[in-house]
Amino acid sequence: MVKPVGLIFAALFLSLGVGHAAAQNVEGLHMEACTEWRTFNGNHYTRNACRRAVTVWFMTLDGSHRDVRRLERNEAFDTGIAAERAKDPGWIGATCPAGFRPNVEFASLNKERFFASDYDCVPD
């Protein structure tokens, strides 16, 4: 009877270790939830409200403006696009931890994937 109890504890310990390892990999997922997109002084901008540095991709759907920026914690990025103009052609954005990139090509062709946040971040 001691052996089955020992096996139960071993299985429990192993599953906790696997869960911990999976939690550490969560940082590879996109970080849109802590990136704020807003209007400031009439322009469209974002601010990194995450706990770590991120890389932000921004592109208008008409392709007239495209930028990639690394942002430190609390750093802001002014896209240079008037907020009203950004609404007209529309835009997509993606945010990954610094050193990562979207696993989907960042292009207007994939706009539905980015609108739905249907991408993960993979190491550069």
PDB file of N, CA and C in Angstrom:
ATOM      1  N   MET A   1       0.823  -1.189   0.000  1.00  0.00           N
ATOM      2  CA  MET A   1       0.000   0.000   0.000  1.00  0.00           C
ATOM      3  C   MET A   1       0.870   1.257   0.000  1.00  0.00           C
ATOM      4  N   VAL A   2       2.085   1.169   0.468  1.00  0.00           N
ATOM      5  CA  VAL A   2       2.967   2.323   0.499  1.00  0.00           C
ATOM      6  C   VAL A   2       3.360   2.722  -0.927  1.00  0.00           C
ATOM      7  N   LYS A   3       3.550   1.771  -1.789  1.00  0.00           N
ATOM      8  CA  LYS A   3       3.976   2.064  -3.152  1.00  0.00           C
ATOM      9  C   LYS A   3       2.950   2.899  -3.914  1.00  0.00           C
ATOM     10  N   PRO A   4       1.638   2.549  -3.907  1.00  0.00           N
ATOM     11  CA  PRO A   4       0.673   3.380  -4.636  1.00  0.00           C
ATOM     12  C   PRO A   4       0.630   4.830  -4.107  1.00  0.00           C
ATOM     13  N   VAL A   5       0.746   5.004  -2.791  1.00  0.00           N
ATOM     14  CA  VAL A   5       0.737   6.357  -2.236  1.00  0.00           C
ATOM     15  C   VAL A   5       1.974   7.117  -2.711  1.00  0.00           C
ATOM     16  N   GLY A   6       3.108   6.445  -2.719  1.00  0.00           N
ATOM     17  CA  GLY A   6       4.341   7.059  -3.203  1.00  0.00           C
ATOM     18  C   GLY A   6       4.233   7.453  -4.667  1.00  0.00           C
ATOM     19  N   LEU A   7       3.589   6.587  -5.455  1.00  0.00           N
ATOM     20  CA  LEU A   7       3.405   6.898  -6.875  1.00  0.00           C
ATOM     21  C   LEU A   7       2.474   8.097  -7.055  1.00  0.00           C
ATOM     22  N   ILE A   8       1.457   8.206  -6.227  1.00  0.00           N
ATOM     23  CA  ILE A   8       0.523   9.341  -6.311  1.00  0.00           C
ATOM     24  C   ILE A   8       1.277  10.638  -6.015  1.00  0.00           C
ATOM     25  N   PHE A   9       2.097  10.628  -4.949  1.00  0.00           N
ATOM     26  CA  PHE A   9       2.865  11.827  -4.628  1.00  0.00           C
ATOM     27  C   PHE A   9       3.880  12.156  -5.726  1.00  0.00           C
ATOM     28  N   ALA A  10       4.498  11.143  -6.302  1.00  0.00           N
ATOM     29  CA  ALA A  10       5.461  11.369  -7.383  1.00  0.00           C
ATOM     30  C   ALA A  10       4.757  11.981  -8.594  1.00  0.00           C
ATOM     31  N   ALA A  11       3.575  11.472  -8.930  1.00  0.00           N
ATOM     32  CA  ALA A  11       2.810  12.014 -10.058  1.00  0.00           C
ATOM     33  C   ALA A  11       2.395  13.457  -9.792  1.00  0.00           C
ATOM     34  N   LEU A  12       1.965  13.727  -8.572  1.00  0.00           N
ATOM     35  CA  LEU A  12       1.563  15.078  -8.200  1.00  0.00           C
ATOM     36  C   LEU A  12       2.759  16.028  -8.298  1.00  0.00           C
ATOM     37  N   PHE A  13       3.897  15.612  -7.781  1.00  0.00           N
ATOM     38  CA  PHE A  13       5.098  16.442  -7.835  1.00  0.00           C
ATOM     39  C   PHE A  13       5.507  16.709  -9.277  1.00  0.00           C
ATOM     40  N   LEU A  14       5.466  15.676 -10.126  1.00  0.00           N
ATOM     41  CA  LEU A  14       5.824  15.820 -11.531  1.00  0.00           C
ATOM     42  C   LEU A  14       4.871  16.776 -12.232  1.00  0.00           C
ATOM     43  N   SER A  15       3.568  16.673 -11.968  1.00  0.00           N
ATOM     44  CA  SER A  15       2.607  17.554 -12.634  1.00  0.00           C
ATOM     45  C   SER A  15       2.795  19.001 -12.193  1.00  0.00           C
ATOM     46  N   LEU A  16       3.166  19.219 -10.939  1.00  0.00           N
ATOM     47  CA  LEU A  16       3.435  20.578 -10.475  1.00  0.00           C
ATOM     48  C   LEU A  16       4.658  21.151 -11.187  1.00  0.00           C
ATOM     49  N   GLY A  17       5.674  20.336 -11.395  1.00  0.00           N
ATOM     50  CA  GLY A  17       6.873  20.784 -12.096  1.00  0.00           C
ATOM     51  C   GLY A  17       6.575  21.128 -13.542  1.00  0.00           C
ATOM     52  N   VAL A  18       5.749  20.329 -14.212  1.00  0.00           N
ATOM     53  CA  VAL A  18       5.367  20.599 -15.594  1.00  0.00           C
ATOM     54  C   VAL A  18       4.550  21.883 -15.661  1.00  0.00           C
ATOM     55  N   GLY A  19       3.625  22.078 -14.731  1.00  0.00           N
ATOM     56  CA  GLY A  19       2.816  23.296 -14.693  1.00  0.00           C
ATOM     57  C   GLY A  19       3.676  24.524 -14.495  1.00  0.00           C
ATOM     58  N   HIS A  20       4.676  24.424 -13.634  1.00  0.00           N
ATOM     59  CA  HIS A  20       5.585  25.554 -13.403  1.00  0.00           C
ATOM     60  C   HIS A  20       6.372  25.876 -14.670  1.00  0.00           C
ATOM     61  N   ALA A  21       6.851  24.858 -15.372  1.00  0.00           N
ATOM     62  CA  ALA A  21       7.604  25.077 -16.613  1.00  0.00           C
ATOM     63  C   ALA A  21       6.713  25.725 -17.664  1.00  0.00           C
ATOM     64  N   ALA A  22       5.458  25.295 -17.762  1.00  0.00           N
ATOM     65  CA  ALA A  22       4.531  25.887 -18.732  1.00  0.00           C
ATOM     66  C   ALA A  22       4.269  27.342 -18.384  1.00  0.00           C
ATOM     67  N   ALA A  23       4.145  27.655 -17.102  1.00  0.00           N
ATOM     68  CA  ALA A  23       3.901  29.041 -16.687  1.00  0.00           C
ATOM     69  C   ALA A  23       5.080  29.929 -17.066  1.00  0.00           C
ATOM     70  N   GLN A  24       6.292  29.406 -17.017  1.00  0.00           N
ATOM     71  CA  GLN A  24       7.458  30.197 -17.393  1.00  0.00           C
ATOM     72  C   GLN A  24       7.449  30.506 -18.885  1.00  0.00           C
ATOM     73  N   ASN A  25       6.864  29.633 -19.711  1.00  0.00           N
ATOM     74  CA  ASN A  25       6.821  29.842 -21.150  1.00  0.00           C
ATOM     75  C   ASN A  25       5.747  30.835 -21.572  1.00  0.00           C
ATOM     76  N   VAL A  26       4.865  31.226 -20.667  1.00  0.00           N
ATOM     77  CA  VAL A  26       3.784  32.151 -20.996  1.00  0.00           C
ATOM     78  C   VAL A  26       4.345  33.469 -21.515  1.00  0.00           C
ATOM     79  N   GLU A  27       5.548  33.854 -21.101  1.00  0.00           N
ATOM     80  CA  GLU A  27       6.128  35.110 -21.558  1.00  0.00           C
ATOM     81  C   GLU A  27       6.334  35.146 -23.062  1.00  0.00           C
ATOM     82  N   GLY A  28       6.291  34.020 -23.711  1.00  0.00           N
ATOM     83  CA  GLY A  28       6.420  33.971 -25.160  1.00  0.00           C
ATOM     84  C   GLY A  28       5.139  34.348 -25.881  1.00  0.00           C
ATOM     85  N   LEU A  29       4.040  34.479 -25.151  1.00  0.00           N
ATOM     86  CA  LEU A  29       2.778  34.872 -25.768  1.00  0.00           C
ATOM     87  C   LEU A  29       2.741  36.374 -25.968  1.00  0.00           C
ATOM     88  N   HIS A  30       1.829  36.821 -26.840  1.00  0.00           N
ATOM     89  CA  HIS A  30       1.756  38.261 -27.094  1.00  0.00           C
ATOM     90  C   HIS A  30       1.369  39.030 -25.834  1.00  0.00           C
ATOM     91  N   MET A  31       1.711  40.298 -25.826  1.00  0.00           N
ATOM     92  CA  MET A  31       1.547  41.121 -24.625  1.00  0.00           C
ATOM     93  C   MET A  31       0.661  42.336 -24.900  1.00  0.00           C
ATOM     94  N   GLU A  32      -0.367  42.150 -25.710  1.00  0.00           N
ATOM     95  CA  GLU A  32      -1.262  43.261 -26.044  1.00  0.00           C
ATOM     96  C   GLU A  32      -1.987  43.809 -24.823  1.00  0.00           C
ATOM     97  N   ALA A  33      -2.273  42.960 -23.869  1.00  0.00           N
ATOM     98  CA  ALA A  33      -3.077  43.376 -22.712  1.00  0.00           C
ATOM     99  C   ALA A  33      -2.401  44.479 -21.900  1.00  0.00           C
ATOM    100  N   CYS A  34      -1.091  44.570 -21.962  1.00  0.00           N
ATOM    101  CA  CYS A  34      -0.410  45.603 -21.174  1.00  0.00           C
ATOM    102  C   CYS A  34       0.183  46.694 -22.060  1.00  0.00           C
ATOM    103  N   THR A  35      -0.277  46.781 -23.306  1.00  0.00           N
ATOM    104  CA  THR A  35       0.142  47.853 -24.202  1.00  0.00           C
ATOM    105  C   THR A  35      -1.065  48.750 -24.440  1.00  0.00           C
ATOM    106  N   GLU A  36      -0.933  50.020 -24.144  1.00  0.00           N
ATOM    107  CA  GLU A  36      -2.054  50.954 -24.263  1.00  0.00           C
ATOM    108  C   GLU A  36      -1.969  51.725 -25.577  1.00  0.00           C
ATOM    109  N   TRP A  37      -3.002  51.616 -26.420  1.00  0.00           N
ATOM    110  CA  TRP A  37      -3.092  52.395 -27.659  1.00  0.00           C
ATOM    111  C   TRP A  37      -4.077  53.517 -27.394  1.00  0.00           C
ATOM    112  N   ARG A  38      -3.656  54.764 -27.609  1.00  0.00           N
ATOM    113  CA  ARG A  38      -4.490  55.922 -27.292  1.00  0.00           C
ATOM    114  C   ARG A  38      -4.225  57.070 -28.246  1.00  0.00           C
ATOM    115  N   THR A  39      -5.039  58.104 -28.054  1.00  0.00           N
ATOM    116  CA  THR A  39      -4.835  59.366 -28.757  1.00  0.00           C
ATOM    117  C   THR A  39      -4.186  60.333 -27.776  1.00  0.00           C
ATOM    118  N   PHE A  40      -3.134  60.995 -28.222  1.00  0.00           N
ATOM    119  CA  PHE A  40      -2.464  61.990 -27.392  1.00  0.00           C
ATOM    120  C   PHE A  40      -2.036  63.131 -28.305  1.00  0.00           C
ATOM    121  N   ASN A  41      -2.423  64.347 -27.949  1.00  0.00           N
ATOM    122  CA  ASN A  41      -2.128  65.532 -28.770  1.00  0.00           C
ATOM    123  C   ASN A  41      -2.564  65.326 -30.221  1.00  0.00           C
ATOM    124  N   GLY A  42      -3.673  64.622 -30.414  1.00  0.00           N
ATOM    125  CA  GLY A  42      -4.218  64.401 -31.752  1.00  0.00           C
ATOM    126  C   GLY A  42      -3.585  63.265 -32.523  1.00  0.00           C
ATOM    127  N   ASN A  43      -2.520  62.667 -31.995  1.00  0.00           N
ATOM    128  CA  ASN A  43      -1.849  61.562 -32.693  1.00  0.00           C
ATOM    129  C   ASN A  43      -2.168  60.221 -32.045  1.00  0.00           C
ATOM    130  N   HIS A  44      -1.980  59.191 -32.839  1.00  0.00           N
ATOM    131  CA  HIS A  44      -2.190  57.813 -32.405  1.00  0.00           C
ATOM    132  C   HIS A  44      -0.868  57.324 -31.801  1.00  0.00           C
ATOM    133  N   TYR A  45      -0.920  56.862 -30.564  1.00  0.00           N
ATOM    134  CA  TYR A  45       0.327  56.422 -29.930  1.00  0.00           C
ATOM    135  C   TYR A  45       0.064  55.228 -29.033  1.00  0.00           C
ATOM    136  N   THR A  46       1.143  54.615 -28.590  1.00  0.00           N
ATOM    137  CA  THR A  46       1.049  53.506 -27.652  1.00  0.00           C
ATOM    138  C   THR A  46       2.055  53.732 -26.524  1.00  0.00           C
ATOM    139  N   ARG A  47       1.783  53.077 -25.407  1.00  0.00           N
ATOM    140  CA  ARG A  47       2.681  53.132 -24.259  1.00  0.00           C
ATOM    141  C   ARG A  47       2.849  51.729 -23.712  1.00  0.00           C
ATOM    142  N   ASN A  48       4.064  51.387 -23.360  1.00  0.00           N
ATOM    143  CA  ASN A  48       4.357  50.084 -22.782  1.00  0.00           C
ATOM    144  C   ASN A  48       4.050  50.125 -21.288  1.00  0.00           C
ATOM    145  N   ALA A  49       2.941  49.514 -20.896  1.00  0.00           N
ATOM    146  CA  ALA A  49       2.570  49.413 -19.486  1.00  0.00           C
ATOM    147  C   ALA A  49       2.924  48.038 -18.926  1.00  0.00           C
ATOM    148  N   CYS A  50       3.727  47.288 -19.681  1.00  0.00           N
ATOM    149  CA  CYS A  50       4.134  45.945 -19.266  1.00  0.00           C
ATOM    150  C   CYS A  50       5.253  46.041 -18.234  1.00  0.00           C
ATOM    151  N   ARG A  51       5.551  44.941 -17.602  1.00  0.00           N
ATOM    152  CA  ARG A  51       6.617  44.903 -16.597  1.00  0.00           C
ATOM    153  C   ARG A  51       8.000  44.726 -17.189  1.00  0.00           C
ATOM    154  N   ARG A  52       8.072  44.611 -18.499  1.00  0.00           N
ATOM    155  CA  ARG A  52       9.363  44.390 -19.152  1.00  0.00           C
ATOM    156  C   ARG A  52       9.368  45.090 -20.501  1.00  0.00           C
ATOM    157  N   ALA A  53      10.518  45.143 -21.129  1.00  0.00           N
ATOM    158  CA  ALA A  53      10.634  45.741 -22.456  1.00  0.00           C
ATOM    159  C   ALA A  53       9.860  44.904 -23.470  1.00  0.00           C
ATOM    160  N   VAL A  54       9.262  45.584 -24.446  1.00  0.00           N
ATOM    161  CA  VAL A  54       8.498  44.911 -25.496  1.00  0.00           C
ATOM    162  C   VAL A  54       8.927  45.454 -26.850  1.00  0.00           C
ATOM    163  N   THR A  55       8.555  44.729 -27.887  1.00  0.00           N
ATOM    164  CA  THR A  55       8.674  45.228 -29.249  1.00  0.00           C
ATOM    165  C   THR A  55       7.263  45.382 -29.775  1.00  0.00           C
ATOM    166  N   VAL A  56       6.990  46.541 -30.379  1.00  0.00           N
ATOM    167  CA  VAL A  56       5.659  46.856 -30.897  1.00  0.00           C
ATOM    168  C   VAL A  56       5.740  46.994 -32.410  1.00  0.00           C
ATOM    169  N   TRP A  57       4.817  46.346 -33.107  1.00  0.00           N
ATOM    170  CA  TRP A  57       4.676  46.475 -34.555  1.00  0.00           C
ATOM    171  C   TRP A  57       3.413  47.288 -34.810  1.00  0.00           C
ATOM    172  N   PHE A  58       3.478  48.241 -35.736  1.00  0.00           N
ATOM    173  CA  PHE A  58       2.335  49.076 -36.097  1.00  0.00           C
ATOM    174  C   PHE A  58       2.325  49.254 -37.610  1.00  0.00           C
ATOM    175  N   MET A  59       1.130  49.150 -38.192  1.00  0.00           N
ATOM    176  CA  MET A  59       1.021  49.346 -39.635  1.00  0.00           C
ATOM    177  C   MET A  59      -0.394  49.781 -39.983  1.00  0.00           C
ATOM    178  N   THR A  60      -0.502  50.827 -40.837  1.00  0.00           N
ATOM    179  CA  THR A  60      -1.816  51.176 -41.375  1.00  0.00           C
ATOM    180  C   THR A  60      -2.149  50.140 -42.446  1.00  0.00           C
ATOM    181  N   LEU A  61      -3.431  49.840 -42.585  1.00  0.00           N
ATOM    182  CA  LEU A  61      -3.831  48.787 -43.521  1.00  0.00           C
ATOM    183  C   LEU A  61      -3.585  49.155 -44.976  1.00  0.00           C
ATOM    184  N   ASP A  62      -3.482  50.450 -45.262  1.00  0.00           N
ATOM    185  CA  ASP A  62      -3.176  50.843 -46.644  1.00  0.00           C
ATOM    186  C   ASP A  62      -1.680  50.766 -46.928  1.00  0.00           C
ATOM    187  N   GLY A  63      -0.891  50.418 -45.907  1.00  0.00           N
ATOM    188  CA  GLY A  63       0.547  50.248 -46.082  1.00  0.00           C
ATOM    189  C   GLY A  63       1.345  51.539 -46.124  1.00  0.00           C
ATOM    190  N   SER A  64       0.696  52.684 -45.903  1.00  0.00           N
ATOM    191  CA  SER A  64       1.409  53.957 -45.999  1.00  0.00           C
ATOM    192  C   SER A  64       2.336  54.220 -44.804  1.00  0.00           C
ATOM    193  N   HIS A  65       2.099  53.528 -43.716  1.00  0.00           N
ATOM    194  CA  HIS A  65       2.946  53.738 -42.536  1.00  0.00           C
ATOM    195  C   HIS A  65       3.167  52.408 -41.833  1.00  0.00           C
ATOM    196  N   ARG A  66       4.419  52.106 -41.584  1.00  0.00           N
ATOM    197  CA  ARG A  66       4.783  50.850 -40.920  1.00  0.00           C
ATOM    198  C   ARG A  66       5.978  51.130 -40.026  1.00  0.00           C
ATOM    199  N   ASP A  67       5.937  50.616 -38.801  1.00  0.00           N
ATOM    200  CA  ASP A  67       7.032  50.869 -37.872  1.00  0.00           C
ATOM    201  C   ASP A  67       7.149  49.717 -36.879  1.00  0.00           C
ATOM    202  N   VAL A  68       8.356  49.472 -36.424  1.00  0.00           N
ATOM    203  CA  VAL A  68       8.635  48.490 -35.380  1.00  0.00           C
ATOM    204  C   VAL A  68       9.515  49.203 -34.363  1.00  0.00           C
ATOM    205  N   ARG A  69       9.124  49.125 -33.093  1.00  0.00           N
ATOM    206  CA  ARG A  69       9.881  49.821 -32.052  1.00  0.00           C
ATOM    207  C   ARG A  69      10.038  48.944 -30.826  1.00  0.00           C
ATOM    208  N   ARG A  70      11.202  49.008 -30.238  1.00  0.00           N
ATOM    209  CA  ARG A  70      11.419  48.409 -28.923  1.00  0.00           C
ATOM    210  C   ARG A  70      11.083  49.493 -27.906  1.00  0.00           C
ATOM    211  N   LEU A  71      10.246  49.166 -26.928  1.00  0.00           N
ATOM    212  CA  LEU A  71       9.848  50.119 -25.902  1.00  0.00           C
ATOM    213  C   LEU A  71      10.217  49.576 -24.529  1.00  0.00           C
ATOM    214  N   GLU A  72      10.920  50.377 -23.780  1.00  0.00           N
ATOM    215  CA  GLU A  72      11.218  50.017 -22.400  1.00  0.00           C
ATOM    216  C   GLU A  72       9.948  50.213 -21.570  1.00  0.00           C
ATOM    217  N   ARG A  73       9.961  49.728 -20.364  1.00  0.00           N
ATOM    218  CA  ARG A  73       8.806  49.856 -19.475  1.00  0.00           C
ATOM    219  C   ARG A  73       8.410  51.333 -19.342  1.00  0.00           C
ATOM    220  N   ASN A  74       7.113  51.623 -19.521  1.00  0.00           N
ATOM    221  CA  ASN A  74       6.516  52.967 -19.449  1.00  0.00           C
ATOM    222  C   ASN A  74       6.920  53.904 -20.583  1.00  0.00           C
ATOM    223  N   GLU A  75       7.667  53.438 -21.556  1.00  0.00           N
ATOM    224  CA  GLU A  75       8.042  54.285 -22.685  1.00  0.00           C
ATOM    225  C   GLU A  75       6.880  54.389 -23.671  1.00  0.00           C
ATOM    226  N   ALA A  76       6.715  55.573 -24.252  1.00  0.00           N
ATOM    227  CA  ALA A  76       5.646  55.809 -25.228  1.00  0.00           C
ATOM    228  C   ALA A  76       6.224  55.873 -26.636  1.00  0.00           C
ATOM    229  N   PHE A  77       5.367  55.602 -27.608  1.00  0.00           N
ATOM    230  CA  PHE A  77       5.745  55.637 -29.019  1.00  0.00           C
ATOM    231  C   PHE A  77       4.633  56.354 -29.782  1.00  0.00           C
ATOM    232  N   ASP A  78       4.957  57.505 -30.343  1.00  0.00           N
ATOM    233  CA  ASP A  78       4.027  58.271 -31.173  1.00  0.00           C
ATOM    234  C   ASP A  78       4.171  57.761 -32.600  1.00  0.00           C
ATOM    235  N   THR A  79       3.101  57.220 -33.159  1.00  0.00           N
ATOM    236  CA  THR A  79       3.173  56.655 -34.507  1.00  0.00           C
ATOM    237  C   THR A  79       3.374  57.721 -35.571  1.00  0.00           C
ATOM    238  N   GLY A  80       3.106  58.988 -35.219  1.00  0.00           N
ATOM    239  CA  GLY A  80       3.216  60.057 -36.205  1.00  0.00           C
ATOM    240  C   GLY A  80       1.983  60.163 -37.085  1.00  0.00           C
ATOM    241  N   ILE A  81       0.994  59.350 -36.805  1.00  0.00           N
ATOM    242  CA  ILE A  81      -0.253  59.344 -37.582  1.00  0.00           C
ATOM    243  C   ILE A  81      -1.327  60.048 -36.762  1.00  0.00           C
ATOM    244  N   ALA A  82      -2.041  60.982 -37.389  1.00  0.00           N
ATOM    245  CA  ALA A  82      -3.154  61.623 -36.706  1.00  0.00           C
ATOM    246  C   ALA A  82      -4.182  60.558 -36.335  1.00  0.00           C
ATOM    247  N   ALA A  83      -4.746  60.681 -35.135  1.00  0.00           N
ATOM    248  CA  ALA A  83      -5.697  59.677 -34.644  1.00  0.00           C
ATOM    249  C   ALA A  83      -6.849  59.475 -35.622  1.00  0.00           C
ATOM    250  N   GLU A  84      -7.370  60.554 -36.179  1.00  0.00           N
ATOM    251  CA  GLU A  84      -8.479  60.436 -37.142  1.00  0.00           C
ATOM    252  C   GLU A  84      -8.032  59.715 -38.406  1.00  0.00           C
ATOM    253  N   ARG A  85      -6.818  59.988 -38.847  1.00  0.00           N
ATOM    254  CA  ARG A  85      -6.307  59.322 -40.052  1.00  0.00           C
ATOM    255  C   ARG A  85      -6.101  57.827 -39.807  1.00  0.00           C
ATOM    256  N   ALA A  86      -5.668  57.462 -38.603  1.00  0.00           N
ATOM    257  CA  ALA A  86      -5.452  56.048 -38.284  1.00  0.00           C
ATOM    258  C   ALA A  86      -6.755  55.271 -38.370  1.00  0.00           C
ATOM    259  N   LYS A  87      -7.879  55.931 -38.054  1.00  0.00           N
ATOM    260  CA  LYS A  87      -9.186  55.260 -38.129  1.00  0.00           C
ATOM    261  C   LYS A  87      -9.607  55.009 -39.566  1.00  0.00           C
ATOM    262  N   ASP A  88      -9.241  55.924 -40.473  1.00  0.00           N
ATOM    263  CA  ASP A  88      -9.712  55.842 -41.855  1.00  0.00           C
ATOM    264  C   ASP A  88      -9.226  54.600 -42.593  1.00  0.00           C
ATOM    265  N   PRO A  89      -7.912  54.404 -42.753  1.00  0.00           N
ATOM    266  CA  PRO A  89      -7.512  53.171 -43.433  1.00  0.00           C
ATOM    267  C   PRO A  89      -7.546  51.970 -42.490  1.00  0.00           C
ATOM    268  N   GLY A  90      -7.572  52.251 -41.185  1.00  0.00           N
ATOM    269  CA  GLY A  90      -7.467  51.184 -40.194  1.00  0.00           C
ATOM    270  C   GLY A  90      -6.015  50.831 -39.967  1.00  0.00           C
ATOM    271  N   TRP A  91      -5.770  50.044 -38.942  1.00  0.00           N
ATOM    272  CA  TRP A  91      -4.399  49.691 -38.605  1.00  0.00           C
ATOM    273  C   TRP A  91      -4.377  48.370 -37.855  1.00  0.00           C
ATOM    274  N   ILE A  92      -3.215  47.781 -37.809  1.00  0.00           N
ATOM    275  CA  ILE A  92      -3.007  46.585 -37.002  1.00  0.00           C
ATOM    276  C   ILE A  92      -1.782  46.827 -36.130  1.00  0.00           C
ATOM    277  N   GLY A  93      -1.743  46.146 -35.026  1.00  0.00           N
ATOM    278  CA  GLY A  93      -0.617  46.231 -34.123  1.00  0.00           C
ATOM    279  C   GLY A  93      -0.358  44.878 -33.488  1.00  0.00           C
ATOM    280  N   ALA A  94       0.849  44.700 -33.041  1.00  0.00           N
ATOM    281  CA  ALA A  94       1.234  43.479 -32.332  1.00  0.00           C
ATOM    282  C   ALA A  94       2.261  43.860 -31.279  1.00  0.00           C
ATOM    283  N   THR A  95       2.256  43.135 -30.183  1.00  0.00           N
ATOM    284  CA  THR A  95       3.215  43.386 -29.111  1.00  0.00           C
ATOM    285  C   THR A  95       3.778  42.065 -28.614  1.00  0.00           C
ATOM    286  N   CYS A  96       5.092  41.982 -28.581  1.00  0.00           N
ATOM    287  CA  CYS A  96       5.785  40.797 -28.075  1.00  0.00           C
ATOM    288  C   CYS A  96       6.845  41.239 -27.071  1.00  0.00           C
ATOM    289  N   PRO A  97       7.247  40.332 -26.197  1.00  0.00           N
ATOM    290  CA  PRO A  97       8.384  40.664 -25.327  1.00  0.00           C
ATOM    291  C   PRO A  97       9.595  40.995 -26.205  1.00  0.00           C
ATOM    292  N   ALA A  98      10.460  41.891 -25.741  1.00  0.00           N
ATOM    293  CA  ALA A  98      11.675  42.197 -26.492  1.00  0.00           C
ATOM    294  C   ALA A  98      12.436  40.900 -26.749  1.00  0.00           C
ATOM    295  N   GLY A  99      12.924  40.744 -27.978  1.00  0.00           N
ATOM    296  CA  GLY A  99      13.638  39.525 -28.362  1.00  0.00           C
ATOM    297  C   GLY A  99      12.736  38.475 -28.985  1.00  0.00           C
ATOM    298  N   PHE A 100      11.437  38.784 -29.088  1.00  0.00           N
ATOM    299  CA  PHE A 100      10.471  37.880 -29.713  1.00  0.00           C
ATOM    300  C   PHE A 100       9.812  38.597 -30.884  1.00  0.00           C
ATOM    301  N   ARG A 101       9.152  37.840 -31.762  1.00  0.00           N
ATOM    302  CA  ARG A 101       8.414  38.384 -32.904  1.00  0.00           C
ATOM    303  C   ARG A 101       7.144  37.562 -33.098  1.00  0.00           C
ATOM    304  N   PRO A 102       6.140  38.127 -33.793  1.00  0.00           N
ATOM    305  CA  PRO A 102       4.926  37.339 -34.058  1.00  0.00           C
ATOM    306  C   PRO A 102       5.242  36.118 -34.923  1.00  0.00           C
ATOM    307  N   ASN A 103       4.538  35.029 -34.665  1.00  0.00           N
ATOM    308  CA  ASN A 103       4.732  33.821 -35.471  1.00  0.00           C
ATOM    309  C   ASN A 103       3.924  33.877 -36.763  1.00  0.00           C
ATOM    310  N   VAL A 104       3.202  34.959 -36.970  1.00  0.00           N
ATOM    311  CA  VAL A 104       2.432  35.209 -38.188  1.00  0.00           C
ATOM    312  C   VAL A 104       3.065  36.425 -38.857  1.00  0.00           C
ATOM    313  N   GLU A 105       3.221  36.390 -40.176  1.00  0.00           N
ATOM    314  CA  GLU A 105       3.797  37.538 -40.871  1.00  0.00           C
ATOM    315  C   GLU A 105       2.979  38.792 -40.579  1.00  0.00           C
ATOM    316  N   PHE A 106       3.654  39.859 -40.183  1.00  0.00           N
ATOM    317  CA  PHE A 106       2.968  41.113 -39.864  1.00  0.00           C
ATOM    318  C   PHE A 106       2.690  41.853 -41.165  1.00  0.00           C
ATOM    319  N   ALA A 107       1.511  41.588 -41.724  1.00  0.00           N
ATOM    320  CA  ALA A 107       1.111  42.160 -43.011  1.00  0.00           C
ATOM    321  C   ALA A 107      -0.404  42.335 -43.027  1.00  0.00           C
ATOM    322  N   SER A 108      -0.884  43.304 -43.824  1.00  0.00           N
ATOM    323  CA  SER A 108      -2.332  43.543 -43.896  1.00  0.00           C
ATOM    324  C   SER A 108      -3.079  42.304 -44.370  1.00  0.00           C
ATOM    325  N   LEU A 109      -2.432  41.460 -45.116  1.00  0.00           N
ATOM    326  CA  LEU A 109      -3.016  40.195 -45.558  1.00  0.00           C
ATOM    327  C   LEU A 109      -3.465  39.348 -44.356  1.00  0.00           C
ATOM    328  N   ASN A 110      -2.795  39.486 -43.221  1.00  0.00           N
ATOM    329  CA  ASN A 110      -3.121  38.727 -42.006  1.00  0.00           C
ATOM    330  C   ASN A 110      -3.863  39.568 -40.975  1.00  0.00           C
ATOM    331  N   LYS A 111      -4.524  40.636 -41.416  1.00  0.00           N
ATOM    332  CA  LYS A 111      -5.174  41.564 -40.484  1.00  0.00           C
ATOM    333  C   LYS A 111      -6.183  40.878 -39.568  1.00  0.00           C
ATOM    334  N   GLU A 112      -6.938  39.924 -40.066  1.00  0.00           N
ATOM    335  CA  GLU A 112      -7.945  39.248 -39.226  1.00  0.00           C
ATOM    336  C   GLU A 112      -7.281  38.502 -38.073  1.00  0.00           C
ATOM    337  N   ARG A 113      -6.136  37.918 -38.325  1.00  0.00           N
ATOM    338  CA  ARG A 113      -5.409  37.211 -37.261  1.00  0.00           C
ATOM    339  C   ARG A 113      -4.975  38.187 -36.176  1.00  0.00           C
ATOM    340  N   PHE A 114      -4.482  39.363 -36.594  1.00  0.00           N
ATOM    341  CA  PHE A 114      -4.032  40.348 -35.609  1.00  0.00           C
ATOM    342  C   PHE A 114      -5.212  41.018 -34.911  1.00  0.00           C
ATOM    343  N   PHE A 115      -6.314  41.257 -35.624  1.00  0.00           N
ATOM    344  CA  PHE A 115      -7.523  41.798 -34.982  1.00  0.00           C
ATOM    345  C   PHE A 115      -7.999  40.866 -33.884  1.00  0.00           C
ATOM    346  N   ALA A 116      -7.899  39.558 -34.135  1.00  0.00           N
ATOM    347  CA  ALA A 116      -8.367  38.548 -33.179  1.00  0.00           C
ATOM    348  C   ALA A 116      -7.289  38.163 -32.159  1.00  0.00           C
ATOM    349  N   SER A 117      -6.136  38.800 -32.225  1.00  0.00           N
ATOM    350  CA  SER A 117      -5.003  38.443 -31.350  1.00  0.00           C
ATOM    351  C   SER A 117      -4.645  36.967 -31.498  1.00  0.00           C
ATOM    352  N   ASP A 118      -4.777  36.473 -32.710  1.00  0.00           N
ATOM    353  CA  ASP A 118      -4.516  35.065 -33.007  1.00  0.00           C
ATOM    354  C   ASP A 118      -3.078  34.888 -33.501  1.00  0.00           C
ATOM    355  N   TYR A 119      -2.157  35.181 -32.615  1.00  0.00           N
ATOM    356  CA  TYR A 119      -0.743  34.965 -32.906  1.00  0.00           C
ATOM    357  C   TYR A 119      -0.028  34.729 -31.582  1.00  0.00           C
ATOM    358  N   ASP A 120       1.117  34.131 -31.664  1.00  0.00           N
ATOM    359  CA  ASP A 120       1.993  33.961 -30.505  1.00  0.00           C
ATOM    360  C   ASP A 120       3.325  34.619 -30.837  1.00  0.00           C
ATOM    361  N   CYS A 121       4.128  34.789 -29.823  1.00  0.00           N
ATOM    362  CA  CYS A 121       5.442  35.374 -30.018  1.00  0.00           C
ATOM    363  C   CYS A 121       6.494  34.270 -29.916  1.00  0.00           C
ATOM    364  N   VAL A 122       7.419  34.303 -30.847  1.00  0.00           N
ATOM    365  CA  VAL A 122       8.485  33.298 -30.889  1.00  0.00           C
ATOM    366  C   VAL A 122       9.827  34.028 -30.837  1.00  0.00           C
ATOM    367  N   PRO A 123      10.861  33.370 -30.363  1.00  0.00           N
ATOM    368  CA  PRO A 123      12.175  34.042 -30.297  1.00  0.00           C
ATOM    369  C   PRO A 123      12.622  34.533 -31.673  1.00  0.00           C
ATOM    370  N   ASP A 124      13.288  35.704 -31.682  1.00  0.00           N
ATOM    371  CA  ASP A 124      13.846  36.245 -32.945  1.00  0.00           C
ATOM    372  C   ASP A 124      14.885  35.319 -33.496  1.00  0.00           C
TER     373      ASP A 124
END
